[in-house]
Amino acid sequence: MQRRTHSLIPALLTPALLASTLFAKPVVGQVVNPLPPIRTDSGLIAGQTLPSGVKAWLGIPFAKPPIGALRWRPPQPIRWEGVWNADRKMPECIQVLRPHRINHYFGEEATSENCLYMNIWAPPGASAASRLPVIVFIYGGGFTIGSSGILLYDGEPLAKRGAVFVNFNYRLGILGFLAHPQLTSEQGGHSGDYGFLDQNAALAWIHRNIAQFGGDPARVMLAGQSAGAGSVTAQIFSPLSRGLFESAFLSSGCNWSGPETTLAEGERTGLEIQKRLGAADIDAMRQIPADRILALQAENQVMASSPGVWVGGVIDGYFLPKSKTALLEARDFADVPLIATSNQEDIDYASSPLTHARSVSEYQAIARELFGENADAFLKRFPVRDAAEIPEVAGRAAREAGMQGSARQCAQLKARYGATATYIGLFSRRHPYVPGVEIADQNTATVGAYHTSDIPYWFGTLDALNHLRRTRNWTAADRRLSDEMMDVLIAFAGTGRPSTHAIHWPAWVPGDEKRLVIGATVTAQRLDVMRMDWLAVHPPARSAGSARARMSPRD
Protein backbone atom coordinates (compact mmCIF):
# COMPACT_ATOMS: atom_id res chain seq x y z
CA MET A 1 0.00 0.00 0.00
CA GLN A 2 1.31 3.41 -0.95
CA ARG A 3 2.32 5.44 2.07
CA ARG A 4 0.33 8.64 2.56
CA THR A 5 2.22 11.91 2.66
CA HIS A 6 1.44 15.39 3.86
CA SER A 7 0.34 17.72 1.08
CA LEU A 8 1.82 20.85 2.63
CA ILE A 9 3.94 21.09 5.78
CA PRO A 10 3.24 24.41 7.54
CA ALA A 11 6.65 24.45 9.24
CA LEU A 12 8.29 24.77 5.83
CA LEU A 13 6.31 27.88 4.87
CA THR A 14 7.30 31.46 5.43
CA PRO A 15 4.72 33.41 7.49
CA ALA A 16 3.80 35.50 4.42
CA LEU A 17 3.16 32.47 2.23
CA LEU A 18 1.27 30.71 4.97
CA ALA A 19 -1.00 33.72 5.41
CA SER A 20 -1.71 33.97 1.69
CA THR A 21 -2.26 30.29 0.91
CA LEU A 22 -3.30 28.33 3.99
CA PHE A 23 -7.02 28.78 3.52
CA ALA A 24 -6.89 28.10 -0.24
CA LYS A 25 -4.85 24.88 0.00
CA PRO A 26 -5.68 22.24 2.62
CA VAL A 27 -2.78 21.38 4.89
CA VAL A 28 -3.22 17.62 4.74
CA GLY A 29 -3.84 15.47 1.68
CA GLN A 30 -2.20 12.67 -0.20
CA VAL A 31 -0.07 12.27 -3.29
CA VAL A 32 -0.36 8.69 -4.48
CA ASN A 33 2.67 8.66 -6.78
CA PRO A 34 4.82 11.63 -5.75
CA LEU A 35 7.58 13.01 -7.96
CA PRO A 36 10.86 14.32 -6.54
CA PRO A 37 10.81 18.10 -6.03
CA ILE A 38 11.88 20.30 -8.93
CA ARG A 39 13.73 23.53 -8.23
CA THR A 40 12.26 26.67 -9.83
CA ASP A 41 13.07 30.32 -9.22
CA SER A 42 9.96 30.46 -6.98
CA GLY A 43 10.96 27.45 -4.89
CA LEU A 44 10.80 23.67 -4.84
CA ILE A 45 7.74 22.04 -6.43
CA ALA A 46 6.65 18.40 -6.07
CA GLY A 47 4.20 16.79 -8.48
CA GLN A 48 2.73 13.37 -9.08
CA THR A 49 2.69 10.59 -11.65
CA LEU A 50 -0.80 9.92 -13.02
CA PRO A 51 -1.97 6.35 -13.71
CA SER A 52 -1.19 6.93 -17.41
CA GLY A 53 2.44 7.62 -16.54
CA VAL A 54 2.08 11.31 -17.38
CA LYS A 55 3.73 13.64 -14.88
CA ALA A 56 1.51 16.40 -13.48
CA TRP A 57 2.06 19.47 -11.35
CA LEU A 58 -1.35 20.98 -10.58
CA GLY A 59 -1.91 24.28 -8.82
CA ILE A 60 1.47 26.01 -9.06
CA PRO A 61 1.35 29.68 -7.95
CA PHE A 62 3.05 31.91 -10.52
CA ALA A 63 2.32 35.20 -8.72
CA LYS A 64 1.22 36.38 -5.31
CA PRO A 65 -2.53 36.19 -4.65
CA PRO A 66 -4.04 39.46 -6.02
CA ILE A 67 -5.99 40.16 -2.85
CA GLY A 68 -6.14 43.02 -0.37
CA ALA A 69 -3.72 45.78 -1.41
CA LEU A 70 -2.79 43.73 -4.52
CA ARG A 71 -6.30 43.93 -6.00
CA TRP A 72 -6.02 45.96 -9.24
CA ARG A 73 -2.23 45.85 -9.26
CA PRO A 74 0.10 44.09 -11.71
CA PRO A 75 0.95 40.52 -10.63
CA GLN A 76 3.82 40.29 -8.14
CA PRO A 77 6.53 37.58 -8.06
CA ILE A 78 6.08 34.84 -5.48
CA ARG A 79 8.68 32.76 -3.63
CA TRP A 80 8.47 30.22 -0.84
CA GLU A 81 10.60 28.11 1.45
CA GLY A 82 10.26 24.34 1.58
CA VAL A 83 8.32 22.24 -0.95
CA TRP A 84 5.10 23.26 -2.67
CA ASN A 85 3.08 20.12 -3.37
CA ALA A 86 1.33 20.78 -6.67
CA ASP A 87 -1.18 17.98 -6.26
CA ARG A 88 -4.55 19.58 -7.09
CA LYS A 89 -6.08 22.27 -9.29
CA MET A 90 -6.78 25.56 -7.59
CA PRO A 91 -9.77 27.95 -7.65
CA GLU A 92 -10.92 29.70 -10.78
CA CYS A 93 -10.95 33.49 -10.73
CA ILE A 94 -14.16 35.19 -9.52
CA GLN A 95 -16.99 34.72 -12.04
CA VAL A 96 -20.63 33.65 -12.30
CA LEU A 97 -21.18 29.94 -11.69
CA ARG A 98 -22.62 27.63 -14.31
CA PRO A 99 -26.07 26.05 -14.53
CA HIS A 100 -25.70 22.30 -14.23
CA ARG A 101 -27.39 21.16 -17.47
CA ILE A 102 -25.39 23.25 -19.92
CA ASN A 103 -22.83 21.81 -22.31
CA HIS A 104 -19.78 23.02 -20.39
CA TYR A 105 -20.65 21.97 -16.86
CA PHE A 106 -18.15 19.45 -15.51
CA GLY A 107 -18.75 19.89 -11.77
CA GLU A 108 -18.69 22.87 -9.43
CA GLU A 109 -15.28 24.51 -9.13
CA ALA A 110 -14.05 26.57 -6.23
CA THR A 111 -13.87 30.28 -7.09
CA SER A 112 -11.72 32.95 -5.48
CA GLU A 113 -9.73 36.12 -6.00
CA ASN A 114 -6.75 33.98 -4.94
CA CYS A 115 -6.56 32.29 -8.34
CA LEU A 116 -3.20 32.89 -10.04
CA TYR A 117 -2.13 29.28 -10.47
CA MET A 118 -0.98 27.12 -13.38
CA ASN A 119 -1.01 23.41 -14.25
CA ILE A 120 1.75 21.52 -16.06
CA TRP A 121 1.61 18.06 -17.64
CA ALA A 122 4.71 16.34 -19.10
CA PRO A 123 5.28 13.00 -20.90
CA PRO A 124 6.23 9.98 -18.77
CA GLY A 125 9.91 10.09 -19.67
CA ALA A 126 10.35 13.87 -19.56
CA SER A 127 13.38 15.23 -17.75
CA ALA A 128 15.35 18.47 -17.61
CA ALA A 129 17.33 17.23 -20.61
CA SER A 130 14.30 16.45 -22.82
CA ARG A 131 13.67 19.90 -24.37
CA LEU A 132 10.21 18.94 -25.61
CA PRO A 133 7.79 21.26 -27.44
CA VAL A 134 5.56 23.24 -25.09
CA ILE A 135 1.89 24.11 -25.62
CA VAL A 136 0.56 26.93 -23.42
CA PHE A 137 -3.21 27.43 -23.50
CA ILE A 138 -5.26 30.52 -22.56
CA TYR A 139 -8.96 29.83 -21.98
CA GLY A 140 -11.80 31.83 -23.51
CA GLY A 141 -15.03 33.09 -22.01
CA GLY A 142 -15.52 36.68 -23.13
CA PHE A 143 -13.01 37.87 -20.48
CA THR A 144 -15.63 37.26 -17.75
CA ILE A 145 -15.70 33.45 -17.35
CA GLY A 146 -13.27 30.58 -17.85
CA SER A 147 -10.91 28.37 -15.90
CA SER A 148 -7.75 26.34 -16.39
CA GLY A 149 -9.38 23.65 -14.23
CA ILE A 150 -12.11 22.75 -16.73
CA LEU A 151 -11.73 19.13 -17.83
CA LEU A 152 -11.95 20.16 -21.47
CA TYR A 153 -8.56 21.85 -21.08
CA ASP A 154 -6.67 19.02 -19.35
CA GLY A 155 -3.18 18.44 -20.72
CA GLU A 156 -2.78 14.72 -20.04
CA PRO A 157 -3.68 13.50 -23.57
CA LEU A 158 -1.24 15.89 -25.29
CA ALA A 159 1.46 15.01 -22.77
CA LYS A 160 0.95 11.32 -23.54
CA ARG A 161 1.68 12.14 -27.19
CA GLY A 162 4.93 13.98 -26.48
CA ALA A 163 4.38 17.64 -25.54
CA VAL A 164 4.58 19.58 -22.30
CA PHE A 165 1.18 21.23 -21.79
CA VAL A 166 0.56 24.25 -19.57
CA ASN A 167 -2.57 26.21 -18.72
CA PHE A 168 -3.23 28.88 -16.11
CA ASN A 169 -5.80 31.26 -14.67
CA TYR A 170 -5.93 35.01 -15.24
CA ARG A 171 -8.13 37.67 -13.63
CA LEU A 172 -11.47 38.35 -15.29
CA GLY A 173 -14.10 41.04 -15.63
CA ILE A 174 -13.95 44.14 -13.47
CA LEU A 175 -11.38 42.52 -11.18
CA GLY A 176 -9.16 41.77 -14.16
CA PHE A 177 -9.47 44.82 -16.38
CA LEU A 178 -10.54 47.89 -14.37
CA ALA A 179 -8.87 51.13 -15.47
CA HIS A 180 -9.24 54.15 -13.17
CA PRO A 181 -7.57 57.57 -12.85
CA GLN A 182 -6.35 56.79 -9.32
CA LEU A 183 -4.87 53.49 -10.46
CA THR A 184 -3.19 55.27 -13.37
CA SER A 185 -1.61 57.72 -10.94
CA GLU A 186 -0.69 54.97 -8.51
CA GLN A 187 0.97 52.82 -11.19
CA GLY A 188 3.07 55.37 -13.02
CA GLY A 189 0.75 56.38 -15.84
CA HIS A 190 -1.12 53.20 -16.75
CA SER A 191 -3.94 51.04 -15.40
CA GLY A 192 -6.18 48.18 -16.51
CA ASP A 193 -5.11 45.05 -18.44
CA TYR A 194 -4.37 43.14 -15.22
CA GLY A 195 -5.67 39.92 -16.79
CA PHE A 196 -3.27 40.38 -19.72
CA LEU A 197 -0.45 41.13 -17.27
CA ASP A 198 -1.29 37.89 -15.44
CA GLN A 199 -0.90 36.05 -18.73
CA ASN A 200 2.43 37.77 -19.34
CA ALA A 201 3.61 36.84 -15.83
CA ALA A 202 2.67 33.20 -16.44
CA LEU A 203 4.53 33.19 -19.78
CA ALA A 204 7.61 34.70 -18.15
CA TRP A 205 7.49 32.09 -15.37
CA ILE A 206 7.20 29.34 -17.98
CA HIS A 207 10.12 30.76 -19.96
CA ARG A 208 12.36 30.78 -16.88
CA ASN A 209 11.36 27.39 -15.49
CA ILE A 210 9.81 25.06 -18.07
CA ALA A 211 13.11 23.32 -18.88
CA GLN A 212 13.04 21.79 -15.40
CA PHE A 213 9.76 20.07 -16.33
CA GLY A 214 11.07 18.74 -19.66
CA GLY A 215 10.05 21.61 -21.92
CA ASP A 216 12.07 23.70 -24.34
CA PRO A 217 11.69 27.45 -23.65
CA ALA A 218 12.69 28.08 -27.28
CA ARG A 219 9.77 25.98 -28.59
CA VAL A 220 6.71 27.40 -26.85
CA MET A 221 3.44 27.64 -28.77
CA LEU A 222 0.90 30.04 -27.28
CA ALA A 223 -2.67 28.89 -27.94
CA GLY A 224 -6.05 30.39 -27.13
CA GLN A 225 -9.71 29.98 -27.98
CA SER A 226 -12.24 32.84 -28.38
CA ALA A 227 -11.28 35.44 -25.73
CA GLY A 228 -8.20 33.27 -25.30
CA ALA A 229 -7.43 33.89 -28.97
CA GLY A 230 -7.92 37.59 -28.31
CA SER A 231 -5.48 37.18 -25.44
CA VAL A 232 -2.92 35.56 -27.74
CA THR A 233 -3.30 38.56 -30.04
CA ALA A 234 -2.74 40.88 -27.06
CA GLN A 235 0.48 39.01 -26.19
CA ILE A 236 1.62 39.15 -29.84
CA PHE A 237 1.35 42.96 -29.76
CA SER A 238 2.74 43.53 -26.26
CA PRO A 239 6.46 44.32 -25.99
CA LEU A 240 6.39 42.73 -22.52
CA SER A 241 5.84 39.26 -24.03
CA ARG A 242 8.37 39.49 -26.85
CA GLY A 243 10.51 36.35 -26.97
CA LEU A 244 8.29 34.33 -24.62
CA PHE A 245 6.71 32.18 -27.39
CA GLU A 246 7.74 31.08 -30.88
CA SER A 247 4.40 30.25 -32.52
CA ALA A 248 0.73 31.04 -31.96
CA PHE A 249 -2.56 29.16 -32.39
CA LEU A 250 -5.84 31.12 -32.41
CA SER A 251 -9.14 29.24 -32.41
CA SER A 252 -12.26 31.30 -33.14
CA GLY A 253 -10.83 34.76 -32.96
CA CYS A 254 -7.99 36.19 -35.05
CA ASN A 255 -8.90 39.88 -35.09
CA TRP A 256 -6.10 42.36 -35.65
CA SER A 257 -8.11 45.38 -36.75
CA GLY A 258 -11.17 45.68 -34.52
CA PRO A 259 -12.12 48.67 -32.34
CA GLU A 260 -9.88 49.33 -29.35
CA THR A 261 -10.51 51.15 -26.08
CA THR A 262 -8.28 54.02 -25.01
CA LEU A 263 -7.05 54.42 -21.46
CA ALA A 264 -9.21 57.53 -21.04
CA GLU A 265 -12.33 55.60 -22.10
CA GLY A 266 -11.44 52.81 -19.70
CA GLU A 267 -10.93 55.29 -16.87
CA ARG A 268 -14.39 56.77 -17.45
CA THR A 269 -15.89 53.28 -17.12
CA GLY A 270 -13.86 52.80 -13.95
CA LEU A 271 -15.31 55.99 -12.45
CA GLU A 272 -18.81 54.77 -13.31
CA ILE A 273 -18.11 51.49 -11.49
CA GLN A 274 -16.84 53.44 -8.47
CA LYS A 275 -20.05 55.50 -8.49
CA ARG A 276 -22.25 52.39 -8.67
CA LEU A 277 -20.35 50.84 -5.77
CA GLY A 278 -20.81 54.00 -3.72
CA ALA A 279 -17.10 53.99 -2.85
CA ALA A 280 -15.08 57.09 -1.95
CA ASP A 281 -11.88 56.02 -3.72
CA ILE A 282 -9.81 53.07 -4.90
CA ASP A 283 -8.81 52.13 -1.37
CA ALA A 284 -12.48 51.86 -0.45
CA MET A 285 -13.11 49.80 -3.60
CA ARG A 286 -10.38 47.39 -2.49
CA GLN A 287 -12.31 46.76 0.72
CA ILE A 288 -15.55 45.76 -1.05
CA PRO A 289 -16.30 42.02 -1.20
CA ALA A 290 -15.74 40.53 -4.64
CA ASP A 291 -19.32 39.28 -4.98
CA ARG A 292 -20.61 42.86 -4.86
CA ILE A 293 -18.27 43.82 -7.67
CA LEU A 294 -19.27 40.74 -9.67
CA ALA A 295 -22.93 41.73 -9.28
CA LEU A 296 -22.24 44.95 -11.24
CA GLN A 297 -20.68 43.12 -14.16
CA ALA A 298 -22.36 42.58 -17.51
CA GLU A 299 -22.79 38.88 -18.27
CA ASN A 300 -24.55 37.17 -21.15
CA GLN A 301 -22.98 33.71 -21.07
CA VAL A 302 -23.71 30.37 -19.38
CA MET A 303 -27.41 31.27 -19.64
CA ALA A 304 -26.96 34.41 -17.52
CA SER A 305 -28.39 37.74 -18.62
CA SER A 306 -27.19 40.82 -16.77
CA PRO A 307 -27.03 44.30 -18.36
CA GLY A 308 -24.29 45.54 -16.04
CA VAL A 309 -20.95 47.17 -16.85
CA TRP A 310 -18.48 45.43 -19.17
CA VAL A 311 -14.76 46.17 -19.08
CA GLY A 312 -11.96 44.79 -21.22
CA GLY A 313 -8.48 45.55 -22.42
CA VAL A 314 -7.30 49.10 -23.05
CA ILE A 315 -4.41 50.76 -24.83
CA ASP A 316 -2.74 51.47 -21.51
CA GLY A 317 0.62 52.73 -22.80
CA TYR A 318 2.43 49.96 -20.94
CA PHE A 319 1.27 46.43 -21.72
CA LEU A 320 -0.22 47.67 -25.00
CA PRO A 321 1.64 50.88 -25.89
CA LYS A 322 -0.24 51.75 -29.10
CA SER A 323 -3.05 50.54 -31.31
CA LYS A 324 -2.51 47.26 -33.17
CA THR A 325 -2.54 49.15 -36.47
CA ALA A 326 0.23 51.47 -35.32
CA LEU A 327 2.27 48.54 -34.00
CA LEU A 328 1.84 46.65 -37.27
CA GLU A 329 2.93 49.65 -39.32
CA ALA A 330 5.99 50.01 -37.07
CA ARG A 331 6.59 46.24 -37.39
CA ASP A 332 6.63 46.19 -33.61
CA PHE A 333 4.96 42.86 -32.87
CA ALA A 334 5.90 39.20 -32.40
CA ASP A 335 6.33 37.93 -35.96
CA VAL A 336 5.76 34.22 -35.27
CA PRO A 337 4.12 31.44 -37.34
CA LEU A 338 0.37 31.61 -36.82
CA ILE A 339 -2.62 29.27 -37.08
CA ALA A 340 -6.01 31.02 -37.34
CA THR A 341 -8.97 28.67 -37.33
CA SER A 342 -12.70 28.72 -36.55
CA ASN A 343 -15.74 26.45 -36.70
CA GLN A 344 -18.41 25.97 -39.33
CA GLU A 345 -21.30 27.00 -37.04
CA ASP A 346 -19.30 29.35 -34.85
CA ILE A 347 -20.42 32.57 -33.18
CA ASP A 348 -20.44 34.32 -36.55
CA TYR A 349 -22.96 31.75 -37.80
CA ALA A 350 -25.11 31.94 -34.66
CA SER A 351 -25.14 35.75 -34.63
CA SER A 352 -26.01 36.25 -38.29
CA PRO A 353 -29.70 37.09 -38.85
CA LEU A 354 -29.41 35.48 -42.29
CA THR A 355 -28.90 32.00 -40.81
CA HIS A 356 -32.21 32.33 -38.94
CA ALA A 357 -34.29 33.09 -42.03
CA ARG A 358 -37.01 30.51 -42.76
CA SER A 359 -38.03 31.48 -46.28
CA VAL A 360 -36.48 32.96 -49.39
CA SER A 361 -38.45 36.19 -48.96
CA GLU A 362 -37.29 36.51 -45.33
CA TYR A 363 -33.69 35.85 -46.38
CA GLN A 364 -33.89 38.55 -49.05
CA ALA A 365 -35.52 41.04 -46.65
CA ILE A 366 -32.77 40.49 -44.07
CA ALA A 367 -30.13 40.91 -46.77
CA ARG A 368 -31.63 44.29 -47.69
CA GLU A 369 -31.59 45.32 -44.03
CA LEU A 370 -27.95 44.27 -43.62
CA PHE A 371 -26.51 45.50 -46.92
CA GLY A 372 -28.81 48.37 -47.94
CA GLU A 373 -28.05 49.64 -51.42
CA ASN A 374 -25.56 46.78 -51.87
CA ALA A 375 -28.17 44.08 -51.20
CA ASP A 376 -28.64 43.14 -54.86
CA ALA A 377 -24.90 42.65 -55.24
CA PHE A 378 -24.87 40.50 -52.10
CA LEU A 379 -27.81 38.38 -53.30
CA LYS A 380 -26.07 37.87 -56.64
CA ARG A 381 -23.06 36.42 -54.80
CA PHE A 382 -25.09 34.49 -52.19
CA PRO A 383 -28.36 33.50 -53.91
CA VAL A 384 -30.89 31.02 -52.52
CA ARG A 385 -33.56 29.31 -54.61
CA ASP A 386 -35.49 27.68 -51.78
CA ALA A 387 -35.53 27.55 -47.98
CA ALA A 388 -33.47 24.33 -47.91
CA GLU A 389 -30.45 26.24 -49.28
CA ILE A 390 -30.51 28.96 -46.61
CA PRO A 391 -28.41 27.26 -43.87
CA GLU A 392 -25.53 26.51 -46.25
CA VAL A 393 -25.55 29.77 -48.21
CA ALA A 394 -26.23 32.03 -45.23
CA GLY A 395 -23.64 30.13 -43.21
CA ARG A 396 -21.03 30.63 -45.91
CA ALA A 397 -21.76 34.36 -45.97
CA ALA A 398 -21.58 34.57 -42.17
CA ARG A 399 -18.23 32.76 -42.06
CA GLU A 400 -16.66 34.70 -44.90
CA ALA A 401 -17.74 38.02 -43.37
CA GLY A 402 -16.92 36.76 -39.89
CA MET A 403 -14.15 34.62 -38.45
CA GLN A 404 -12.85 33.18 -41.70
CA GLY A 405 -12.71 36.69 -43.13
CA SER A 406 -10.86 37.87 -40.03
CA ALA A 407 -8.42 34.94 -40.25
CA ARG A 408 -7.72 35.84 -43.85
CA GLN A 409 -7.17 39.47 -42.85
CA CYS A 410 -4.65 38.33 -40.20
CA ALA A 411 -2.83 36.42 -42.95
CA GLN A 412 -2.85 39.46 -45.22
CA LEU A 413 -1.48 41.72 -42.47
CA LYS A 414 1.19 39.17 -41.56
CA ALA A 415 2.23 38.98 -45.22
CA ARG A 416 2.39 42.77 -45.46
CA TYR A 417 4.27 43.48 -42.24
CA GLY A 418 5.95 40.20 -41.28
CA ALA A 419 7.92 37.31 -42.66
CA THR A 420 6.49 34.16 -41.04
CA ALA A 421 3.70 31.93 -42.34
CA THR A 422 0.00 31.93 -41.50
CA TYR A 423 -2.19 28.81 -41.70
CA ILE A 424 -5.99 29.11 -41.94
CA GLY A 425 -8.38 26.35 -40.89
CA LEU A 426 -12.10 25.54 -40.67
CA PHE A 427 -13.40 22.81 -38.33
CA SER A 428 -16.65 21.29 -39.59
CA ARG A 429 -17.16 17.99 -37.76
CA ARG A 430 -20.43 17.73 -35.82
CA HIS A 431 -20.29 15.94 -32.48
CA PRO A 432 -22.12 12.56 -32.40
CA TYR A 433 -24.72 13.29 -29.71
CA VAL A 434 -26.51 10.59 -27.74
CA PRO A 435 -30.00 10.43 -29.31
CA GLY A 436 -32.49 12.43 -27.29
CA VAL A 437 -29.98 13.88 -24.84
CA GLU A 438 -31.07 17.25 -23.48
CA ILE A 439 -28.53 20.08 -23.08
CA ALA A 440 -29.94 23.35 -21.80
CA ASP A 441 -27.95 25.65 -24.09
CA GLN A 442 -27.94 23.52 -27.26
CA ASN A 443 -30.48 22.00 -29.60
CA THR A 444 -28.66 18.73 -30.14
CA ALA A 445 -30.83 17.86 -33.13
CA THR A 446 -29.65 20.88 -35.13
CA VAL A 447 -26.39 22.12 -33.59
CA GLY A 448 -23.42 21.95 -35.91
CA ALA A 449 -19.72 22.55 -35.33
CA TYR A 450 -20.42 25.11 -32.64
CA HIS A 451 -18.12 27.60 -30.90
CA THR A 452 -15.53 25.57 -28.90
CA SER A 453 -16.53 22.25 -30.52
CA ASP A 454 -13.03 21.87 -31.96
CA ILE A 455 -11.21 22.08 -28.61
CA PRO A 456 -11.82 18.51 -27.35
CA TYR A 457 -10.39 17.24 -30.64
CA TRP A 458 -7.29 19.45 -30.49
CA PHE A 459 -6.65 18.46 -26.86
CA GLY A 460 -7.83 14.84 -26.90
CA THR A 461 -10.40 15.56 -24.18
CA LEU A 462 -13.46 14.11 -25.90
CA ASP A 463 -14.44 12.14 -22.80
CA ALA A 464 -14.73 15.31 -20.72
CA LEU A 465 -18.13 15.83 -22.35
CA ASN A 466 -19.27 12.51 -20.87
CA HIS A 467 -17.79 13.15 -17.42
CA LEU A 468 -21.01 13.64 -15.42
CA ARG A 469 -23.50 12.20 -17.89
CA ARG A 470 -23.25 10.67 -21.32
CA THR A 471 -23.92 13.25 -24.03
CA ARG A 472 -21.77 11.98 -26.93
CA ASN A 473 -21.33 8.62 -28.64
CA TRP A 474 -17.74 9.08 -29.74
CA THR A 475 -16.69 6.86 -32.63
CA ALA A 476 -13.35 5.41 -33.65
CA ALA A 477 -13.28 8.04 -36.41
CA ASP A 478 -13.64 10.85 -33.84
CA ARG A 479 -10.79 9.49 -31.76
CA ARG A 480 -8.59 8.99 -34.81
CA LEU A 481 -9.28 12.57 -35.94
CA SER A 482 -8.46 13.85 -32.45
CA ASP A 483 -5.16 11.94 -32.47
CA GLU A 484 -4.26 13.47 -35.83
CA MET A 485 -5.19 16.99 -34.67
CA MET A 486 -3.11 16.62 -31.49
CA ASP A 487 -0.14 15.56 -33.60
CA VAL A 488 -0.60 18.67 -35.74
CA LEU A 489 -0.48 20.90 -32.64
CA ILE A 490 2.66 19.18 -31.37
CA ALA A 491 4.34 19.47 -34.78
CA PHE A 492 3.50 23.17 -34.93
CA ALA A 493 4.86 23.76 -31.43
CA GLY A 494 8.01 21.87 -32.30
CA THR A 495 8.78 23.18 -35.79
CA GLY A 496 6.47 26.12 -36.60
CA ARG A 497 4.88 23.99 -39.36
CA PRO A 498 1.52 22.26 -38.71
CA SER A 499 2.00 19.22 -40.94
CA THR A 500 2.41 15.53 -40.13
CA HIS A 501 2.50 12.25 -42.05
CA ALA A 502 -1.33 12.18 -41.86
CA ILE A 503 -2.17 15.85 -42.48
CA HIS A 504 -0.54 18.36 -44.80
CA TRP A 505 -1.59 21.92 -43.94
CA PRO A 506 -0.61 24.37 -46.68
CA ALA A 507 0.37 27.89 -45.69
CA TRP A 508 -1.80 30.77 -46.82
CA VAL A 509 -0.01 32.48 -49.70
CA PRO A 510 -1.11 35.62 -51.60
CA GLY A 511 -2.28 34.49 -55.00
CA ASP A 512 -2.77 30.89 -53.80
CA GLU A 513 -5.03 31.26 -50.79
CA LYS A 514 -5.88 27.95 -49.14
CA ARG A 515 -7.29 26.73 -45.84
CA LEU A 516 -7.49 23.31 -44.23
CA VAL A 517 -11.04 22.01 -43.73
CA ILE A 518 -11.22 19.48 -40.89
CA GLY A 519 -14.34 17.34 -40.92
CA ALA A 520 -15.33 13.84 -41.99
CA THR A 521 -12.27 14.18 -44.18
CA VAL A 522 -9.34 16.58 -43.93
CA THR A 523 -8.71 18.48 -47.14
CA ALA A 524 -7.05 21.65 -48.39
CA GLN A 525 -9.52 24.03 -50.04
CA ARG A 526 -9.09 27.26 -51.96
CA LEU A 527 -10.70 30.36 -50.49
CA ASP A 528 -13.32 32.11 -52.57
CA VAL A 529 -11.31 35.32 -52.67
CA MET A 530 -13.70 37.24 -54.93
CA ARG A 531 -16.60 36.86 -52.50
CA MET A 532 -14.38 37.51 -49.48
CA ASP A 533 -12.92 40.62 -51.09
CA TRP A 534 -16.43 41.93 -51.71
CA LEU A 535 -17.53 41.24 -48.11
CA ALA A 536 -14.40 42.91 -46.75
CA VAL A 537 -15.38 46.10 -48.58
CA HIS A 538 -19.13 45.76 -47.84
CA PRO A 539 -19.46 44.40 -44.28
CA PRO A 540 -23.00 43.69 -43.04
CA ALA A 541 -24.57 46.24 -40.71
CA ARG A 542 -24.69 45.36 -37.03
CA SER A 543 -28.06 44.07 -35.92
CA ALA A 544 -29.98 42.67 -33.00
CA GLY A 545 -29.23 39.19 -34.28
CA SER A 546 -25.86 39.27 -32.53
CA ALA A 547 -27.66 38.90 -29.19
CA ARG A 548 -28.23 35.21 -29.97
CA ALA A 549 -24.50 34.50 -29.77
CA ARG A 550 -24.05 36.37 -26.51
CA MET A 551 -26.52 34.03 -24.81
CA SER A 552 -24.41 30.93 -25.49
CA PRO A 553 -21.34 29.62 -23.64
CA ARG A 554 -18.19 31.26 -24.89
CA ASP A 555 -15.47 29.09 -23.32
Foldseek 3Di string as FASTA:
>chain_A
DADFDWQADVVQWDPVVCVQPPVFDPGGDGARAKDPWFQAPQGTEIWGQDPVLKTKQAWAALFGQCAQVNQQHATHGHHTGDYRYRYYHTAAEDADWFDCQAQQDLDDGHYDSRFWTKMKIAANVAALPQAAFEEEEEEDFPQGDDDCPRLLNDQVVLRNVTYMYMYTHFHGWCRQFQFAPVSCVVPPRFGGRNRLSSVLSVLVSCLRGVSRVRHRQQLYEYEYEFVRLVSVVLLQQFPSNASSHAEYEYEHDQAQDDDAAASVNSNVLNVVLCVVVVAPDVSRVSVDDPVVSNLQTAAQESQDGDPHRTGDHHCGCHRNNDRSVVCLVVLNGHLHEYEFEYELCELLNQLQVQLVDQWQVSNLVSLCQFQPPCSVVVCVVQPDDTRVCRNVSVSVLSCLLPRQLSLVVVQVSCVVRHDHFYAYAYEWAAFAFDPPDDRPQDDNVDDTCYRPNCSCLLSVSVCSSPNPHGTGDDDPLSNVSSVLNVQQVSCCSVPVARDDPQDHTDTADVVFGWHWYHYSDTDIDGDPVVSSVVCVVRPTDDDPSSSSSSNYGND
